[in-house]
Amino acid sequence: MNKNSVWTIVGVVVAVIVAWFVVSALFSVLWFIVKLALVAVVAVVVYLVLRGAFSKHE
């Protein structure tokens, strides 16, 4: 193996490692956004249920 082949292999390995961390961070951020959206939907539903329950008593 010559010197260029070794650097090509090292470059590919480093690229895969960096891509692994970038994709992991991206999925982490996307999961946080999905979780935030689900919390918002549940909060709106709970708010509407509570508002309906308390408005009937008045």
N, C-alpha and C. Protein backbone atom coordinates (compact mmCIF):
# COMPACT_ATOMS: atom_id res chain seq x y z
N MET A 1 0.85 -1.19 0.00
CA MET A 1 0.00 0.00 0.00
C MET A 1 0.89 1.24 0.00
N ASN A 2 0.52 2.19 -0.82
CA ASN A 2 1.30 3.42 -0.83
C ASN A 2 0.69 4.44 0.13
N LYS A 3 1.34 5.58 0.23
CA LYS A 3 0.94 6.59 1.21
C LYS A 3 -0.44 7.15 0.91
N ASN A 4 -0.79 7.31 -0.36
CA ASN A 4 -2.11 7.85 -0.72
C ASN A 4 -3.23 6.90 -0.32
N SER A 5 -3.02 5.61 -0.43
CA SER A 5 -4.04 4.64 -0.05
C SER A 5 -4.31 4.69 1.45
N VAL A 6 -3.24 4.83 2.24
CA VAL A 6 -3.39 4.90 3.69
C VAL A 6 -4.19 6.14 4.07
N TRP A 7 -3.86 7.29 3.46
CA TRP A 7 -4.59 8.52 3.79
C TRP A 7 -6.04 8.45 3.31
N THR A 8 -6.29 7.75 2.23
CA THR A 8 -7.67 7.59 1.77
C THR A 8 -8.47 6.77 2.78
N ILE A 9 -7.89 5.69 3.27
CA ILE A 9 -8.58 4.86 4.27
C ILE A 9 -8.81 5.64 5.55
N VAL A 10 -7.79 6.39 6.00
CA VAL A 10 -7.94 7.21 7.20
C VAL A 10 -9.04 8.26 6.99
N GLY A 11 -9.07 8.87 5.81
CA GLY A 11 -10.11 9.87 5.51
C GLY A 11 -11.50 9.28 5.53
N VAL A 12 -11.65 8.08 4.99
CA VAL A 12 -12.96 7.43 4.98
C VAL A 12 -13.40 7.10 6.40
N VAL A 13 -12.49 6.58 7.21
CA VAL A 13 -12.83 6.25 8.60
C VAL A 13 -13.24 7.50 9.37
N VAL A 14 -12.48 8.58 9.22
CA VAL A 14 -12.81 9.83 9.91
C VAL A 14 -14.15 10.37 9.42
N ALA A 15 -14.41 10.29 8.13
CA ALA A 15 -15.68 10.77 7.58
C ALA A 15 -16.86 9.98 8.14
N VAL A 16 -16.71 8.67 8.27
CA VAL A 16 -17.79 7.85 8.82
C VAL A 16 -18.03 8.18 10.29
N ILE A 17 -16.96 8.39 11.05
CA ILE A 17 -17.11 8.73 12.48
C ILE A 17 -17.79 10.08 12.64
N VAL A 18 -17.37 11.07 11.86
CA VAL A 18 -17.99 12.39 11.94
C VAL A 18 -19.46 12.32 11.52
N ALA A 19 -19.74 11.59 10.43
CA ALA A 19 -21.13 11.46 9.98
C ALA A 19 -21.99 10.78 11.03
N TRP A 20 -21.44 9.79 11.73
CA TRP A 20 -22.18 9.09 12.78
C TRP A 20 -22.63 10.07 13.87
N PHE A 21 -21.70 10.93 14.31
CA PHE A 21 -22.04 11.90 15.35
C PHE A 21 -23.01 12.97 14.86
N VAL A 22 -22.85 13.40 13.62
CA VAL A 22 -23.75 14.42 13.07
C VAL A 22 -25.17 13.87 12.95
N VAL A 23 -25.31 12.64 12.45
CA VAL A 23 -26.63 12.03 12.31
C VAL A 23 -27.25 11.78 13.69
N SER A 24 -26.44 11.37 14.63
CA SER A 24 -26.94 11.15 15.99
C SER A 24 -27.46 12.46 16.60
N ALA A 25 -26.72 13.53 16.43
CA ALA A 25 -27.15 14.83 16.95
C ALA A 25 -28.41 15.30 16.24
N LEU A 26 -28.48 15.07 14.93
CA LEU A 26 -29.65 15.48 14.16
C LEU A 26 -30.90 14.74 14.62
N PHE A 27 -30.80 13.43 14.81
CA PHE A 27 -31.95 12.68 15.30
C PHE A 27 -32.32 13.08 16.72
N SER A 28 -31.35 13.45 17.51
CA SER A 28 -31.64 13.91 18.87
C SER A 28 -32.45 15.20 18.83
N VAL A 29 -32.05 16.12 17.97
CA VAL A 29 -32.78 17.39 17.84
C VAL A 29 -34.17 17.15 17.28
N LEU A 30 -34.28 16.29 16.27
CA LEU A 30 -35.59 16.00 15.70
C LEU A 30 -36.52 15.34 16.71
N TRP A 31 -35.98 14.42 17.53
CA TRP A 31 -36.79 13.77 18.56
C TRP A 31 -37.26 14.79 19.59
N PHE A 32 -36.41 15.77 19.93
CA PHE A 32 -36.79 16.81 20.87
C PHE A 32 -37.94 17.64 20.30
N ILE A 33 -37.87 17.96 18.99
CA ILE A 33 -38.94 18.75 18.37
C ILE A 33 -40.25 17.97 18.35
N VAL A 34 -40.18 16.68 18.04
CA VAL A 34 -41.39 15.84 18.03
C VAL A 34 -41.97 15.75 19.43
N LYS A 35 -41.11 15.56 20.42
CA LYS A 35 -41.57 15.48 21.81
C LYS A 35 -42.23 16.80 22.24
N LEU A 36 -41.62 17.91 21.84
CA LEU A 36 -42.18 19.23 22.17
C LEU A 36 -43.55 19.42 21.53
N ALA A 37 -43.71 18.98 20.30
CA ALA A 37 -44.99 19.09 19.61
C ALA A 37 -46.06 18.22 20.30
N LEU A 38 -45.68 17.01 20.70
CA LEU A 38 -46.63 16.15 21.40
C LEU A 38 -47.05 16.73 22.74
N VAL A 39 -46.11 17.31 23.45
CA VAL A 39 -46.44 17.96 24.73
C VAL A 39 -47.40 19.12 24.50
N ALA A 40 -47.17 19.89 23.45
CA ALA A 40 -48.06 21.02 23.15
C ALA A 40 -49.47 20.54 22.83
N VAL A 41 -49.60 19.47 22.06
CA VAL A 41 -50.92 18.94 21.71
C VAL A 41 -51.64 18.43 22.95
N VAL A 42 -50.94 17.69 23.79
CA VAL A 42 -51.56 17.17 25.02
C VAL A 42 -51.94 18.32 25.95
N ALA A 43 -51.12 19.34 26.03
CA ALA A 43 -51.43 20.49 26.88
C ALA A 43 -52.68 21.21 26.40
N VAL A 44 -52.83 21.35 25.09
CA VAL A 44 -54.03 22.00 24.55
C VAL A 44 -55.27 21.16 24.85
N VAL A 45 -55.16 19.85 24.68
CA VAL A 45 -56.31 18.97 24.96
C VAL A 45 -56.69 19.04 26.44
N VAL A 46 -55.70 18.98 27.31
CA VAL A 46 -55.99 19.06 28.75
C VAL A 46 -56.60 20.41 29.11
N TYR A 47 -56.08 21.48 28.52
CA TYR A 47 -56.63 22.81 28.77
C TYR A 47 -58.09 22.89 28.34
N LEU A 48 -58.39 22.36 27.15
CA LEU A 48 -59.78 22.40 26.67
C LEU A 48 -60.70 21.56 27.54
N VAL A 49 -60.23 20.41 28.00
CA VAL A 49 -61.05 19.57 28.89
C VAL A 49 -61.30 20.27 30.21
N LEU A 50 -60.25 20.86 30.78
CA LEU A 50 -60.43 21.56 32.05
C LEU A 50 -61.34 22.78 31.90
N ARG A 51 -61.18 23.51 30.81
CA ARG A 51 -62.02 24.69 30.59
C ARG A 51 -63.47 24.28 30.43
N GLY A 52 -63.69 23.18 29.71
CA GLY A 52 -65.07 22.68 29.55
C GLY A 52 -65.65 22.19 30.86
N ALA A 53 -64.84 21.55 31.69
CA ALA A 53 -65.34 21.03 32.95
C ALA A 53 -65.70 22.16 33.91
N PHE A 54 -64.89 23.20 33.95
CA PHE A 54 -65.16 24.29 34.87
C PHE A 54 -66.23 25.25 34.37
N SER A 55 -66.42 25.34 33.06
CA SER A 55 -67.45 26.26 32.55
C SER A 55 -68.85 25.69 32.73
N LYS A 56 -68.99 24.38 32.86
CA LYS A 56 -70.32 23.78 33.06
C LYS A 56 -70.84 24.03 34.47
N HIS A 57 -69.95 24.22 35.42
CA HIS A 57 -70.37 24.40 36.81
C HIS A 57 -70.84 25.82 37.08
N GLU A 58 -70.51 26.73 36.22
CA GLU A 58 -70.89 28.13 36.50
C GLU A 58 -72.23 28.48 35.93
